[in-house]
Amino acid sequence: YGLMGENGSRDHAALQHELSIHKRLTAAIIGRDLTTALAIFDEHQSQEADLIHQYYDAR
């Protein structure tokens, strides 16, 4: 992480987003809801890929 390091508020928003994903994922795992856990994980992976593409496109 730290892709958006120049802008502190964007870093903070990214961290909050990470925490919300982590909480949802943890709740799904504890509830043994594998379908939801996998969906959250897939969604997160695609968002991360989008961030990386945005970072490299901006350079």
N, C-alpha and C. Protein backbone atom coordinates (compact mmCIF):
# COMPACT_ATOMS: atom_id res chain seq x y z
N TYR A 1 0.83 -1.19 0.00
CA TYR A 1 0.00 0.00 0.00
C TYR A 1 0.87 1.25 0.00
N GLY A 2 0.26 2.40 0.29
CA GLY A 2 1.03 3.62 0.23
C GLY A 2 1.19 4.12 -1.19
N LEU A 3 0.33 3.67 -2.10
CA LEU A 3 0.43 4.08 -3.50
C LEU A 3 0.13 5.56 -3.65
N MET A 4 -0.74 6.08 -2.78
CA MET A 4 -1.15 7.47 -2.90
C MET A 4 -0.46 8.32 -1.83
N GLY A 5 0.79 8.05 -1.58
CA GLY A 5 1.51 8.66 -0.48
C GLY A 5 1.59 10.16 -0.46
N GLU A 6 1.49 10.81 -1.63
CA GLU A 6 1.63 12.27 -1.68
C GLU A 6 0.47 12.96 -0.97
N ASN A 7 -0.69 12.31 -0.96
CA ASN A 7 -1.89 12.94 -0.43
C ASN A 7 -2.37 12.20 0.82
N GLY A 8 -2.13 12.78 1.98
CA GLY A 8 -2.45 12.13 3.24
C GLY A 8 -3.90 11.73 3.40
N SER A 9 -4.83 12.60 2.94
CA SER A 9 -6.24 12.29 3.13
C SER A 9 -6.64 11.07 2.29
N ARG A 10 -6.03 10.94 1.13
CA ARG A 10 -6.33 9.78 0.29
C ARG A 10 -5.78 8.52 0.94
N ASP A 11 -4.62 8.63 1.57
CA ASP A 11 -4.05 7.50 2.31
C ASP A 11 -5.00 7.08 3.43
N HIS A 12 -5.53 8.07 4.14
CA HIS A 12 -6.43 7.80 5.26
C HIS A 12 -7.70 7.11 4.76
N ALA A 13 -8.25 7.61 3.66
CA ALA A 13 -9.45 7.01 3.09
C ALA A 13 -9.18 5.58 2.67
N ALA A 14 -8.01 5.35 2.09
CA ALA A 14 -7.64 3.99 1.66
C ALA A 14 -7.54 3.07 2.87
N LEU A 15 -6.98 3.58 3.96
CA LEU A 15 -6.84 2.78 5.18
C LEU A 15 -8.22 2.44 5.75
N GLN A 16 -9.11 3.44 5.79
CA GLN A 16 -10.47 3.20 6.29
C GLN A 16 -11.16 2.14 5.44
N HIS A 17 -10.95 2.22 4.13
CA HIS A 17 -11.54 1.26 3.20
C HIS A 17 -11.00 -0.14 3.49
N GLU A 18 -9.69 -0.23 3.70
CA GLU A 18 -9.06 -1.52 4.03
C GLU A 18 -9.69 -2.11 5.29
N LEU A 19 -9.85 -1.27 6.31
CA LEU A 19 -10.41 -1.73 7.59
C LEU A 19 -11.84 -2.22 7.42
N SER A 20 -12.63 -1.50 6.60
CA SER A 20 -14.02 -1.92 6.42
C SER A 20 -14.07 -3.25 5.68
N ILE A 21 -13.21 -3.44 4.69
CA ILE A 21 -13.15 -4.72 3.98
C ILE A 21 -12.74 -5.82 4.95
N HIS A 22 -11.75 -5.54 5.77
CA HIS A 22 -11.25 -6.53 6.72
C HIS A 22 -12.34 -6.95 7.71
N LYS A 23 -13.10 -5.96 8.20
CA LYS A 23 -14.19 -6.26 9.14
C LYS A 23 -15.26 -7.13 8.47
N ARG A 24 -15.64 -6.79 7.24
CA ARG A 24 -16.65 -7.57 6.53
C ARG A 24 -16.16 -8.98 6.27
N LEU A 25 -14.89 -9.09 5.88
CA LEU A 25 -14.31 -10.40 5.59
C LEU A 25 -14.25 -11.26 6.86
N THR A 26 -13.82 -10.65 7.96
CA THR A 26 -13.74 -11.36 9.24
C THR A 26 -15.12 -11.85 9.67
N ALA A 27 -16.13 -10.99 9.55
CA ALA A 27 -17.49 -11.37 9.94
C ALA A 27 -17.99 -12.54 9.09
N ALA A 28 -17.70 -12.50 7.80
CA ALA A 28 -18.13 -13.59 6.91
C ALA A 28 -17.43 -14.90 7.27
N ILE A 29 -16.14 -14.81 7.59
CA ILE A 29 -15.38 -16.02 7.94
C ILE A 29 -15.88 -16.59 9.27
N ILE A 30 -16.08 -15.72 10.26
CA ILE A 30 -16.58 -16.17 11.57
C ILE A 30 -17.95 -16.82 11.40
N GLY A 31 -18.79 -16.23 10.53
CA GLY A 31 -20.13 -16.77 10.29
C GLY A 31 -20.11 -17.95 9.34
N ARG A 32 -18.92 -18.39 8.94
CA ARG A 32 -18.75 -19.51 8.00
C ARG A 32 -19.50 -19.27 6.69
N ASP A 33 -19.58 -18.00 6.31
CA ASP A 33 -20.26 -17.64 5.06
C ASP A 33 -19.20 -17.53 3.97
N LEU A 34 -18.82 -18.67 3.44
CA LEU A 34 -17.72 -18.73 2.48
C LEU A 34 -18.04 -17.97 1.20
N THR A 35 -19.29 -18.03 0.75
CA THR A 35 -19.67 -17.33 -0.48
C THR A 35 -19.42 -15.84 -0.35
N THR A 36 -19.87 -15.26 0.78
CA THR A 36 -19.66 -13.83 1.02
C THR A 36 -18.18 -13.51 1.16
N ALA A 37 -17.46 -14.35 1.90
CA ALA A 37 -16.03 -14.13 2.09
C ALA A 37 -15.31 -14.09 0.74
N LEU A 38 -15.62 -15.04 -0.12
CA LEU A 38 -14.98 -15.08 -1.44
C LEU A 38 -15.38 -13.88 -2.29
N ALA A 39 -16.64 -13.46 -2.21
CA ALA A 39 -17.10 -12.30 -2.97
C ALA A 39 -16.38 -11.04 -2.52
N ILE A 40 -16.23 -10.86 -1.21
CA ILE A 40 -15.52 -9.70 -0.67
C ILE A 40 -14.07 -9.73 -1.13
N PHE A 41 -13.46 -10.90 -1.05
CA PHE A 41 -12.06 -11.03 -1.46
C PHE A 41 -11.89 -10.69 -2.94
N ASP A 42 -12.78 -11.23 -3.79
CA ASP A 42 -12.71 -10.96 -5.23
C ASP A 42 -12.89 -9.47 -5.52
N GLU A 43 -13.86 -8.85 -4.84
CA GLU A 43 -14.14 -7.43 -5.01
C GLU A 43 -12.90 -6.61 -4.63
N HIS A 44 -12.29 -7.00 -3.51
CA HIS A 44 -11.11 -6.30 -3.01
C HIS A 44 -9.95 -6.43 -3.99
N GLN A 45 -9.75 -7.63 -4.52
CA GLN A 45 -8.66 -7.85 -5.47
C GLN A 45 -8.82 -6.96 -6.70
N SER A 46 -10.05 -6.85 -7.21
CA SER A 46 -10.26 -6.04 -8.41
C SER A 46 -10.07 -4.56 -8.10
N GLN A 47 -10.48 -4.12 -6.91
CA GLN A 47 -10.29 -2.71 -6.53
C GLN A 47 -8.80 -2.40 -6.39
N GLU A 48 -8.06 -3.34 -5.84
CA GLU A 48 -6.62 -3.15 -5.68
C GLU A 48 -5.95 -3.05 -7.05
N ALA A 49 -6.37 -3.89 -7.98
CA ALA A 49 -5.83 -3.84 -9.34
C ALA A 49 -6.14 -2.49 -9.98
N ASP A 50 -7.36 -1.98 -9.77
CA ASP A 50 -7.74 -0.67 -10.32
C ASP A 50 -6.84 0.42 -9.75
N LEU A 51 -6.56 0.38 -8.45
CA LEU A 51 -5.70 1.38 -7.82
C LEU A 51 -4.30 1.35 -8.42
N ILE A 52 -3.79 0.15 -8.63
CA ILE A 52 -2.44 0.01 -9.20
C ILE A 52 -2.41 0.57 -10.61
N HIS A 53 -3.45 0.28 -11.40
CA HIS A 53 -3.52 0.82 -12.76
C HIS A 53 -3.59 2.34 -12.73
N GLN A 54 -4.40 2.90 -11.83
CA GLN A 54 -4.53 4.36 -11.72
C GLN A 54 -3.17 4.97 -11.37
N TYR A 55 -2.46 4.33 -10.47
CA TYR A 55 -1.16 4.83 -10.04
C TYR A 55 -0.19 4.89 -11.21
N TYR A 56 -0.11 3.80 -11.97
CA TYR A 56 0.83 3.77 -13.08
C TYR A 56 0.39 4.66 -14.24
N ASP A 57 -0.93 4.79 -14.45
CA ASP A 57 -1.43 5.68 -15.51
C ASP A 57 -1.10 7.13 -15.19
N ALA A 58 -1.09 7.47 -13.91
CA ALA A 58 -0.85 8.85 -13.48
C ALA A 58 0.62 9.25 -13.58
N ARG A 59 1.52 8.30 -13.69
CA ARG A 59 2.95 8.60 -13.69
C ARG A 59 3.42 9.11 -15.03
